Amino acid sequence: MKPLKMLFILAVLLSGWIVAAQEAEDRTLLPWPQMRAIINEASGERAQHHLLELVPYPRVRSKAEYESGHFRESEVMARFERE
């Protein structure tokens, strides 16, 4: 056999061994249904909802908002916390 052909066969066999040696990445301490529930909960939808609620558009604050001591954003965050 030619040396180049032998080198190619060796490289193919070696690459197949490296691919087979990798472990699966689904090893966790929790069962898969619980992991799926956590992944679905941490999707970012809640964070996006908070941002859309807090900064929907630039606005001028009313005088009452300054006098009451509570800005709209503070009230929205308190409502989120209660929910």
N, C-alpha and C. Protein backbone atom coordinates (compact mmCIF):
# COMPACT_ATOMS: atom_id res chain seq x y z
N MET A 1 0.84 -1.19 0.00
CA MET A 1 0.00 0.00 0.00
C MET A 1 0.88 1.24 0.00
N LYS A 2 0.32 2.26 -0.56
CA LYS A 2 1.04 3.52 -0.57
C LYS A 2 0.97 4.16 0.81
N PRO A 3 1.99 4.89 1.22
CA PRO A 3 1.99 5.52 2.54
C PRO A 3 0.87 6.53 2.71
N LEU A 4 0.53 7.24 1.66
CA LEU A 4 -0.54 8.24 1.74
C LEU A 4 -1.89 7.58 1.97
N LYS A 5 -2.12 6.44 1.32
CA LYS A 5 -3.36 5.70 1.48
C LYS A 5 -3.46 5.14 2.90
N MET A 6 -2.35 4.62 3.44
CA MET A 6 -2.34 4.09 4.80
C MET A 6 -2.59 5.21 5.82
N LEU A 7 -2.01 6.37 5.57
CA LEU A 7 -2.20 7.51 6.47
C LEU A 7 -3.67 7.95 6.47
N PHE A 8 -4.31 7.93 5.31
CA PHE A 8 -5.72 8.30 5.21
C PHE A 8 -6.59 7.30 5.96
N ILE A 9 -6.34 6.01 5.81
CA ILE A 9 -7.12 4.98 6.51
C ILE A 9 -6.93 5.12 8.01
N LEU A 10 -5.71 5.37 8.44
CA LEU A 10 -5.43 5.55 9.86
C LEU A 10 -6.17 6.78 10.42
N ALA A 11 -6.20 7.86 9.66
CA ALA A 11 -6.90 9.08 10.09
C ALA A 11 -8.40 8.83 10.21
N VAL A 12 -8.99 8.09 9.27
CA VAL A 12 -10.42 7.79 9.32
C VAL A 12 -10.74 6.93 10.53
N LEU A 13 -9.93 5.92 10.79
CA LEU A 13 -10.16 5.05 11.95
C LEU A 13 -9.98 5.82 13.26
N LEU A 14 -8.99 6.66 13.31
CA LEU A 14 -8.73 7.43 14.52
C LEU A 14 -9.86 8.43 14.78
N SER A 15 -10.37 9.07 13.74
CA SER A 15 -11.46 10.04 13.93
C SER A 15 -12.74 9.33 14.39
N GLY A 16 -12.99 8.14 13.93
CA GLY A 16 -14.15 7.38 14.39
C GLY A 16 -14.02 7.00 15.85
N TRP A 17 -12.81 6.69 16.30
CA TRP A 17 -12.58 6.35 17.71
C TRP A 17 -12.77 7.57 18.60
N ILE A 18 -12.34 8.74 18.16
CA ILE A 18 -12.49 9.97 18.95
C ILE A 18 -13.96 10.33 19.10
N VAL A 19 -14.73 10.21 18.04
CA VAL A 19 -16.16 10.53 18.09
C VAL A 19 -16.89 9.56 19.03
N ALA A 20 -16.54 8.31 19.01
CA ALA A 20 -17.20 7.32 19.86
C ALA A 20 -16.81 7.49 21.32
N ALA A 21 -15.69 8.13 21.60
CA ALA A 21 -15.22 8.27 22.97
C ALA A 21 -15.91 9.41 23.73
N GLN A 22 -16.64 10.27 23.05
CA GLN A 22 -17.30 11.38 23.73
C GLN A 22 -18.53 10.88 24.48
N GLU A 23 -18.74 11.46 25.67
CA GLU A 23 -19.88 11.06 26.49
C GLU A 23 -21.12 11.88 26.13
N ALA A 24 -22.26 11.32 26.44
CA ALA A 24 -23.51 12.05 26.25
C ALA A 24 -23.59 13.16 27.29
N GLU A 25 -24.20 14.29 26.92
CA GLU A 25 -24.27 15.44 27.81
C GLU A 25 -25.58 15.53 28.57
N ASP A 26 -26.33 14.46 28.65
CA ASP A 26 -27.61 14.51 29.34
C ASP A 26 -27.53 13.97 30.77
N ARG A 27 -26.34 13.93 31.34
CA ARG A 27 -26.18 13.46 32.71
C ARG A 27 -26.46 14.61 33.67
N THR A 28 -27.49 14.50 34.48
CA THR A 28 -27.83 15.51 35.47
C THR A 28 -28.23 14.82 36.76
N LEU A 29 -28.32 15.60 37.81
CA LEU A 29 -28.75 15.05 39.09
C LEU A 29 -30.27 14.96 39.19
N LEU A 30 -30.96 15.69 38.34
CA LEU A 30 -32.42 15.70 38.35
C LEU A 30 -32.96 14.84 37.22
N PRO A 31 -34.16 14.30 37.39
CA PRO A 31 -34.78 13.56 36.28
C PRO A 31 -35.09 14.51 35.11
N TRP A 32 -35.15 13.93 33.93
CA TRP A 32 -35.34 14.74 32.73
C TRP A 32 -36.62 15.58 32.76
N PRO A 33 -37.78 15.11 33.24
CA PRO A 33 -38.98 15.97 33.27
C PRO A 33 -38.78 17.23 34.13
N GLN A 34 -38.07 17.09 35.26
CA GLN A 34 -37.79 18.27 36.09
C GLN A 34 -36.84 19.22 35.38
N MET A 35 -35.85 18.70 34.69
CA MET A 35 -34.93 19.54 33.94
C MET A 35 -35.67 20.30 32.84
N ARG A 36 -36.59 19.62 32.17
CA ARG A 36 -37.36 20.27 31.10
C ARG A 36 -38.22 21.39 31.68
N ALA A 37 -38.81 21.17 32.86
CA ALA A 37 -39.62 22.21 33.51
C ALA A 37 -38.76 23.43 33.86
N ILE A 38 -37.55 23.19 34.34
CA ILE A 38 -36.65 24.30 34.67
C ILE A 38 -36.25 25.06 33.41
N ILE A 39 -35.95 24.34 32.37
CA ILE A 39 -35.55 24.97 31.10
C ILE A 39 -36.70 25.82 30.56
N ASN A 40 -37.91 25.29 30.61
CA ASN A 40 -39.06 26.04 30.11
C ASN A 40 -39.32 27.28 30.95
N GLU A 41 -39.10 27.19 32.25
CA GLU A 41 -39.34 28.33 33.14
C GLU A 41 -38.29 29.42 32.94
N ALA A 42 -37.08 29.01 32.62
CA ALA A 42 -35.98 29.96 32.48
C ALA A 42 -35.80 30.40 31.03
N SER A 43 -36.85 30.42 30.28
CA SER A 43 -36.74 30.71 28.86
C SER A 43 -36.49 32.17 28.56
N GLY A 44 -36.73 33.06 29.52
CA GLY A 44 -36.54 34.49 29.28
C GLY A 44 -37.83 35.22 28.99
N GLU A 45 -38.93 34.49 28.91
CA GLU A 45 -40.21 35.12 28.62
C GLU A 45 -40.61 36.08 29.73
N ARG A 46 -40.39 35.68 30.98
CA ARG A 46 -40.75 36.55 32.10
C ARG A 46 -39.90 37.81 32.11
N ALA A 47 -38.61 37.68 31.85
CA ALA A 47 -37.73 38.85 31.80
C ALA A 47 -38.14 39.79 30.68
N GLN A 48 -38.50 39.24 29.53
CA GLN A 48 -38.94 40.08 28.42
C GLN A 48 -40.24 40.80 28.78
N HIS A 49 -41.13 40.12 29.46
CA HIS A 49 -42.38 40.74 29.88
C HIS A 49 -42.10 41.91 30.83
N HIS A 50 -41.17 41.72 31.76
CA HIS A 50 -40.83 42.80 32.70
C HIS A 50 -40.26 44.01 31.96
N LEU A 51 -39.39 43.75 30.99
CA LEU A 51 -38.83 44.87 30.25
C LEU A 51 -39.90 45.60 29.45
N LEU A 52 -40.79 44.86 28.83
CA LEU A 52 -41.83 45.51 28.05
C LEU A 52 -42.78 46.30 28.94
N GLU A 53 -42.95 45.86 30.17
CA GLU A 53 -43.82 46.58 31.10
C GLU A 53 -43.15 47.83 31.65
N LEU A 54 -41.84 47.74 31.87
CA LEU A 54 -41.13 48.85 32.50
C LEU A 54 -40.71 49.95 31.52
N VAL A 55 -40.32 49.59 30.33
CA VAL A 55 -39.84 50.58 29.38
C VAL A 55 -40.56 50.50 28.05
N PRO A 56 -41.86 50.68 28.04
CA PRO A 56 -42.56 50.56 26.76
C PRO A 56 -42.29 51.74 25.82
N TYR A 57 -42.05 52.91 26.39
CA TYR A 57 -41.81 54.09 25.57
C TYR A 57 -41.26 55.19 26.49
N PRO A 58 -40.50 56.13 25.95
CA PRO A 58 -40.05 57.26 26.77
C PRO A 58 -41.24 58.15 27.09
N ARG A 59 -41.31 58.64 28.32
CA ARG A 59 -42.45 59.46 28.69
C ARG A 59 -42.03 60.54 29.67
N VAL A 60 -42.82 61.58 29.76
CA VAL A 60 -42.59 62.66 30.70
C VAL A 60 -43.39 62.32 31.96
N ARG A 61 -42.74 62.37 33.10
CA ARG A 61 -43.41 62.05 34.36
C ARG A 61 -44.31 63.20 34.77
N SER A 62 -45.43 62.85 35.37
CA SER A 62 -46.34 63.88 35.87
C SER A 62 -45.82 64.41 37.20
N LYS A 63 -46.31 65.57 37.59
CA LYS A 63 -45.90 66.18 38.85
C LYS A 63 -46.35 65.32 40.03
N ALA A 64 -47.49 64.66 39.92
CA ALA A 64 -48.01 63.81 40.99
C ALA A 64 -47.06 62.63 41.25
N GLU A 65 -46.42 62.17 40.21
CA GLU A 65 -45.50 61.04 40.38
C GLU A 65 -44.29 61.45 41.23
N TYR A 66 -43.84 62.68 41.06
CA TYR A 66 -42.72 63.18 41.87
C TYR A 66 -43.17 63.45 43.31
N GLU A 67 -44.39 63.94 43.47
CA GLU A 67 -44.87 64.31 44.81
C GLU A 67 -45.21 63.09 45.66
N SER A 68 -45.67 62.02 45.03
CA SER A 68 -46.06 60.84 45.80
C SER A 68 -44.84 60.08 46.34
N GLY A 69 -43.69 60.26 45.70
CA GLY A 69 -42.49 59.57 46.14
C GLY A 69 -42.33 58.20 45.53
N HIS A 70 -43.31 57.72 44.76
CA HIS A 70 -43.23 56.41 44.12
C HIS A 70 -43.34 56.60 42.61
N PHE A 71 -42.29 56.20 41.93
CA PHE A 71 -42.33 56.24 40.47
C PHE A 71 -43.12 55.04 39.95
N ARG A 72 -43.58 55.15 38.72
CA ARG A 72 -44.36 54.09 38.10
C ARG A 72 -43.58 52.77 38.11
N GLU A 73 -42.27 52.83 37.84
CA GLU A 73 -41.46 51.63 37.79
C GLU A 73 -41.43 50.92 39.15
N SER A 74 -41.39 51.69 40.23
CA SER A 74 -41.39 51.08 41.57
C SER A 74 -42.70 50.35 41.82
N GLU A 75 -43.79 50.93 41.41
CA GLU A 75 -45.09 50.28 41.60
C GLU A 75 -45.21 49.01 40.76
N VAL A 76 -44.67 49.06 39.54
CA VAL A 76 -44.71 47.88 38.67
C VAL A 76 -43.87 46.75 39.28
N MET A 77 -42.69 47.06 39.79
CA MET A 77 -41.85 46.04 40.40
C MET A 77 -42.50 45.46 41.66
N ALA A 78 -43.16 46.30 42.45
CA ALA A 78 -43.87 45.80 43.64
C ALA A 78 -45.01 44.86 43.22
N ARG A 79 -45.69 45.19 42.13
CA ARG A 79 -46.78 44.33 41.65
C ARG A 79 -46.22 42.99 41.16
N PHE A 80 -45.08 43.03 40.45
CA PHE A 80 -44.44 41.79 40.00
C PHE A 80 -44.07 40.92 41.20
N GLU A 81 -43.56 41.54 42.26
CA GLU A 81 -43.15 40.79 43.44
C GLU A 81 -44.36 40.13 44.11
N ARG A 82 -45.49 40.83 44.16
CA ARG A 82 -46.69 40.24 44.76
C ARG A 82 -47.21 39.08 43.91
N GLU A 83 -47.07 39.19 42.60
CA GLU A 83 -47.54 38.12 41.73
C GLU A 83 -46.68 36.88 41.92
